[in-house]
Amino acid sequence: MILYHGSNIAIDEINLEFSKPNKDFGKGFYLSESKEQAQQMAA
C-alpha cells in the first residue's frame, strides 16, 4: 500500500509536536491513499 502526506517539504521523521490538536481525528500524522488529495493539501 502506498500512502501520501500532504506536505510541501521533505519529512524524514514524524514529529507529532508539529501537528495541530484540533484536526478531524485529533493530533496526528494524516495520510491518504489519494496522491491528488495529498497534492491539494500541500498546495
PDB file of N, CA and C in Angstrom:
ATOM      1  N   MET A   1       0.847  -1.173   0.000  1.00  0.00           N
ATOM      2  CA  MET A   1       0.000   0.000   0.000  1.00  0.00           C
ATOM      3  C   MET A   1       0.891   1.235   0.000  1.00  0.00           C
ATOM      4  N   ILE A   2       0.579   2.176  -0.871  1.00  0.00           N
ATOM      5  CA  ILE A   2       1.285   3.449  -0.925  1.00  0.00           C
ATOM      6  C   ILE A   2       0.391   4.512  -0.312  1.00  0.00           C
ATOM      7  N   LEU A   3       0.963   5.284   0.615  1.00  0.00           N
ATOM      8  CA  LEU A   3       0.229   6.368   1.263  1.00  0.00           C
ATOM      9  C   LEU A   3       0.980   7.672   1.035  1.00  0.00           C
ATOM     10  N   TYR A   4       0.242   8.773   0.988  1.00  0.00           N
ATOM     11  CA  TYR A   4       0.816  10.084   0.718  1.00  0.00           C
ATOM     12  C   TYR A   4       0.482  11.041   1.854  1.00  0.00           C
ATOM     13  N   HIS A   5       1.419  11.964   2.114  1.00  0.00           N
ATOM     14  CA  HIS A   5       1.206  13.002   3.116  1.00  0.00           C
ATOM     15  C   HIS A   5       1.208  14.349   2.404  1.00  0.00           C
ATOM     16  N   GLY A   6       0.227  15.186   2.679  1.00  0.00           N
ATOM     17  CA  GLY A   6       0.116  16.492   2.021  1.00  0.00           C
ATOM     18  C   GLY A   6       1.057  17.507   2.623  1.00  0.00           C
ATOM     19  N   SER A   7       2.292  17.518   2.171  1.00  0.00           N
ATOM     20  CA  SER A   7       3.290  18.455   2.678  1.00  0.00           C
ATOM     21  C   SER A   7       4.089  19.010   1.517  1.00  0.00           C
ATOM     22  N   ASN A   8       4.585  20.235   1.677  1.00  0.00           N
ATOM     23  CA  ASN A   8       5.407  20.816   0.622  1.00  0.00           C
ATOM     24  C   ASN A   8       6.889  20.828   1.008  1.00  0.00           C
ATOM     25  N   ILE A   9       7.242  20.036   2.030  1.00  0.00           N
ATOM     26  CA  ILE A   9       8.634  19.869   2.440  1.00  0.00           C
ATOM     27  C   ILE A   9       8.910  18.378   2.637  1.00  0.00           C
ATOM     28  N   ALA A  10      10.177  18.002   2.571  1.00  0.00           N
ATOM     29  CA  ALA A  10      10.556  16.606   2.819  1.00  0.00           C
ATOM     30  C   ALA A  10      10.455  16.319   4.308  1.00  0.00           C
ATOM     31  N   ILE A  11       9.914  15.163   4.652  1.00  0.00           N
ATOM     32  CA  ILE A  11       9.770  14.763   6.051  1.00  0.00           C
ATOM     33  C   ILE A  11      10.576  13.494   6.262  1.00  0.00           C
ATOM     34  N   ASP A  12      11.640  13.613   7.047  1.00  0.00           N
ATOM     35  CA  ASP A  12      12.499  12.461   7.323  1.00  0.00           C
ATOM     36  C   ASP A  12      12.015  11.661   8.527  1.00  0.00           C
ATOM     37  N   GLU A  13      11.331  12.341   9.442  1.00  0.00           N
ATOM     38  CA  GLU A  13      10.912  11.710  10.678  1.00  0.00           C
ATOM     39  C   GLU A  13       9.584  12.334  11.126  1.00  0.00           C
ATOM     40  N   ILE A  14       8.654  11.518  11.562  1.00  0.00           N
ATOM     41  CA  ILE A  14       7.361  12.023  12.037  1.00  0.00           C
ATOM     42  C   ILE A  14       7.546  12.581  13.444  1.00  0.00           C
ATOM     43  N   ASN A  15       7.158  13.859  13.626  1.00  0.00           N
ATOM     44  CA  ASN A  15       7.242  14.517  14.917  1.00  0.00           C
ATOM     45  C   ASN A  15       5.874  15.126  15.215  1.00  0.00           C
ATOM     46  N   LEU A  16       5.135  14.522  16.114  1.00  0.00           N
ATOM     47  CA  LEU A  16       3.783  14.980  16.412  1.00  0.00           C
ATOM     48  C   LEU A  16       3.745  16.320  17.140  1.00  0.00           C
ATOM     49  N   GLU A  17       4.890  16.844  17.554  1.00  0.00           N
ATOM     50  CA  GLU A  17       4.929  18.176  18.161  1.00  0.00           C
ATOM     51  C   GLU A  17       4.489  19.249  17.164  1.00  0.00           C
ATOM     52  N   PHE A  18       4.621  18.967  15.859  1.00  0.00           N
ATOM     53  CA  PHE A  18       4.235  19.919  14.830  1.00  0.00           C
ATOM     54  C   PHE A  18       2.780  19.776  14.400  1.00  0.00           C
ATOM     55  N   SER A  19       2.094  18.746  14.871  1.00  0.00           N
ATOM     56  CA  SER A  19       0.712  18.523  14.439  1.00  0.00           C
ATOM     57  C   SER A  19      -0.245  19.410  15.233  1.00  0.00           C
ATOM     58  N   LYS A  20      -1.340  19.758  14.593  1.00  0.00           N
ATOM     59  CA  LYS A  20      -2.333  20.626  15.209  1.00  0.00           C
ATOM     60  C   LYS A  20      -3.360  19.780  15.960  1.00  0.00           C
ATOM     61  N   PRO A  21      -3.731  20.174  17.186  1.00  0.00           N
ATOM     62  CA  PRO A  21      -4.596  19.336  18.017  1.00  0.00           C
ATOM     63  C   PRO A  21      -6.059  19.295  17.602  1.00  0.00           C
ATOM     64  N   ASN A  22      -6.530  20.222  16.810  1.00  0.00           N
ATOM     65  CA  ASN A  22      -7.962  20.302  16.504  1.00  0.00           C
ATOM     66  C   ASN A  22      -8.327  19.831  15.098  1.00  0.00           C
ATOM     67  N   LYS A  23      -7.591  18.904  14.558  1.00  0.00           N
ATOM     68  CA  LYS A  23      -7.918  18.330  13.252  1.00  0.00           C
ATOM     69  C   LYS A  23      -9.082  17.354  13.385  1.00  0.00           C
ATOM     70  N   ASP A  24      -9.543  16.793  12.271  1.00  0.00           N
ATOM     71  CA  ASP A  24     -10.715  15.902  12.267  1.00  0.00           C
ATOM     72  C   ASP A  24     -10.642  14.785  13.302  1.00  0.00           C
ATOM     73  N   PHE A  25      -9.493  14.128  13.397  1.00  0.00           N
ATOM     74  CA  PHE A  25      -9.350  12.996  14.302  1.00  0.00           C
ATOM     75  C   PHE A  25      -8.347  13.286  15.413  1.00  0.00           C
ATOM     76  N   GLY A  26      -8.129  14.552  15.718  1.00  0.00           N
ATOM     77  CA  GLY A  26      -7.194  14.939  16.767  1.00  0.00           C
ATOM     78  C   GLY A  26      -5.771  15.058  16.256  1.00  0.00           C
ATOM     79  N   LYS A  27      -4.857  15.184  17.187  1.00  0.00           N
ATOM     80  CA  LYS A  27      -3.444  15.340  16.869  1.00  0.00           C
ATOM     81  C   LYS A  27      -2.927  14.071  16.213  1.00  0.00           C
ATOM     82  N   GLY A  28      -2.235  14.219  15.087  1.00  0.00           N
ATOM     83  CA  GLY A  28      -1.720  13.038  14.410  1.00  0.00           C
ATOM     84  C   GLY A  28      -1.008  13.375  13.117  1.00  0.00           C
ATOM     85  N   PHE A  29      -0.576  12.366  12.417  1.00  0.00           N
ATOM     86  CA  PHE A  29       0.115  12.488  11.132  1.00  0.00           C
ATOM     87  C   PHE A  29      -0.809  11.871  10.092  1.00  0.00           C
ATOM     88  N   TYR A  30      -1.473  12.709   9.323  1.00  0.00           N
ATOM     89  CA  TYR A  30      -2.524  12.263   8.408  1.00  0.00           C
ATOM     90  C   TYR A  30      -1.949  11.840   7.057  1.00  0.00           C
ATOM     91  N   LEU A  31      -2.437  10.710   6.562  1.00  0.00           N
ATOM     92  CA  LEU A  31      -2.018  10.170   5.271  1.00  0.00           C
ATOM     93  C   LEU A  31      -3.244   9.884   4.421  1.00  0.00           C
ATOM     94  N   SER A  32      -3.017   9.771   3.109  1.00  0.00           N
ATOM     95  CA  SER A  32      -4.104   9.494   2.182  1.00  0.00           C
ATOM     96  C   SER A  32      -3.649   8.467   1.156  1.00  0.00           C
ATOM     97  N   GLU A  33      -4.575   7.679   0.681  1.00  0.00           N
ATOM     98  CA  GLU A  33      -4.286   6.780  -0.434  1.00  0.00           C
ATOM     99  C   GLU A  33      -4.294   7.549  -1.749  1.00  0.00           C
ATOM    100  N   SER A  34      -4.855   8.758  -1.739  1.00  0.00           N
ATOM    101  CA  SER A  34      -5.002   9.558  -2.949  1.00  0.00           C
ATOM    102  C   SER A  34      -3.843  10.542  -3.104  1.00  0.00           C
ATOM    103  N   LYS A  35      -3.048  10.352  -4.136  1.00  0.00           N
ATOM    104  CA  LYS A  35      -1.945  11.269  -4.421  1.00  0.00           C
ATOM    105  C   LYS A  35      -2.476  12.664  -4.723  1.00  0.00           C
ATOM    106  N   GLU A  36      -3.592  12.734  -5.432  1.00  0.00           N
ATOM    107  CA  GLU A  36      -4.193  14.017  -5.786  1.00  0.00           C
ATOM    108  C   GLU A  36      -4.641  14.787  -4.539  1.00  0.00           C
ATOM    109  N   GLN A  37      -5.239  14.093  -3.588  1.00  0.00           N
ATOM    110  CA  GLN A  37      -5.695  14.747  -2.345  1.00  0.00           C
ATOM    111  C   GLN A  37      -4.468  15.285  -1.574  1.00  0.00           C
ATOM    112  N   ALA A  38      -3.412  14.522  -1.488  1.00  0.00           N
ATOM    113  CA  ALA A  38      -2.203  14.970  -0.790  1.00  0.00           C
ATOM    114  C   ALA A  38      -1.589  16.177  -1.497  1.00  0.00           C
ATOM    115  N   GLN A  39      -1.586  16.188  -2.819  1.00  0.00           N
ATOM    116  CA  GLN A  39      -1.058  17.323  -3.562  1.00  0.00           C
ATOM    117  C   GLN A  39      -1.890  18.580  -3.307  1.00  0.00           C
ATOM    118  N   GLN A  40      -3.196  18.435  -3.206  1.00  0.00           N
ATOM    119  CA  GLN A  40      -4.063  19.577  -2.910  1.00  0.00           C
ATOM    120  C   GLN A  40      -3.777  20.125  -1.518  1.00  0.00           C
ATOM    121  N   MET A  41      -3.543  19.253  -0.544  1.00  0.00           N
ATOM    122  CA  MET A  41      -3.249  19.687   0.816  1.00  0.00           C
ATOM    123  C   MET A  41      -1.894  20.405   0.892  1.00  0.00           C
ATOM    124  N   ALA A  42      -0.956  20.010   0.041  1.00  0.00           N
ATOM    125  CA  ALA A  42       0.382  20.607   0.050  1.00  0.00           C
ATOM    126  C   ALA A  42       0.411  21.962  -0.644  1.00  0.00           C
ATOM    127  N   ALA A  43      -0.584  22.219  -1.472  1.00  0.00           N
ATOM    128  CA  ALA A  43      -0.588  23.488  -2.242  1.00  0.00           C
ATOM    129  C   ALA A  43      -0.908  24.687  -1.371  1.00  0.00           C
TER     130      ALA A  43
END
